[in-house]
C-alpha cells in the first residue's frame, strides 16, 4: 500500500511574478498526483491582495479533495467580513475521520513572530489508518523552532500506525530543531533519498539553496522523493512516495 504526500508553502497563492492566482497552486497540486497535501501560508478572508478568499475551501473545490484548516493567526474582520485567518491546511483524497489542532507554546525567553500550530488528522488510505500532520515553524528565532520541534515530538510520540508530517520548518537539516525530530524516530524523506536525488533545496524558488520544507514519516518506507519546479509560490513544493507498513 502506498501514498504520495506533498508539502507546499503556497505564499497565499502569490507567485514570483507578484500576481495572486490560486488556480496555479491547484494546478501544481493536481499535476503532482498527491493523495495527501500539507499546505502552509493559507489565507481565509485575510486581505484585499488575495480577494479575501476562503483559500482552503476554494482549493478543495478545485481539486475535488477533502480539506481541514488550522489558522495560527486570527484577527477581527472588517466591513462586515468574517474573521481574518492565516495558517495551515490539509487536503486528502479520502475523508478525514477526526482532527485536532495543537497550539505551540512559545519560549518566553525570546520573541515569537506569530502563533504557530500543528494540524493533526486521521484518514484511511487503501484500508489503512494514517495520521497526517501539517505545521509551519517560526522563521526568526532558532530557540522558538527548537521548542516547537520538541512539542511536535511530544504530541506525536503516542500516535500509532503510519504517520506523515509535512511542513515548512524554516530550518536546514543540520540544525538542532530538525535533528530533534529525526532523533525521535522520524524519517526525513529528503534525507532518505539523498543518495539518489541529493539534498536539493526548496527555497528560494529560482536559486533553491536551502532545504527548509520537509516530509517526515514513521512506519513507512520512502520510495521516491522530488522537488517540483514551480514559480506559483516563493517555495518549491516537495513530494514523497511512501510505502505503508502492513498493520
Foldseek 3Di string as FASTA:
>chain_A
DKFKEKEEAQLQQQFPVRARDLVQVLVVVVVVRGQKYKYFFHKALADVRNPNHHSQVVSCVSNVWDKDDDFQDWACHPPPDHIIGTTMMMTHRFDWDDKDKAWQDFDPVDDAPTTWIKIWTWGADPNRIEIEIETEFGQPDLVRLLSVLVVVLVVCVVDDFKYKYWYQSNDACVRPSNVSNVVSPKDWLLVLCCVPVNNFAFAQQVRRRGNRITIIIHQWDWDDKDWDRDRSHRTTMIMTMIHHHDD
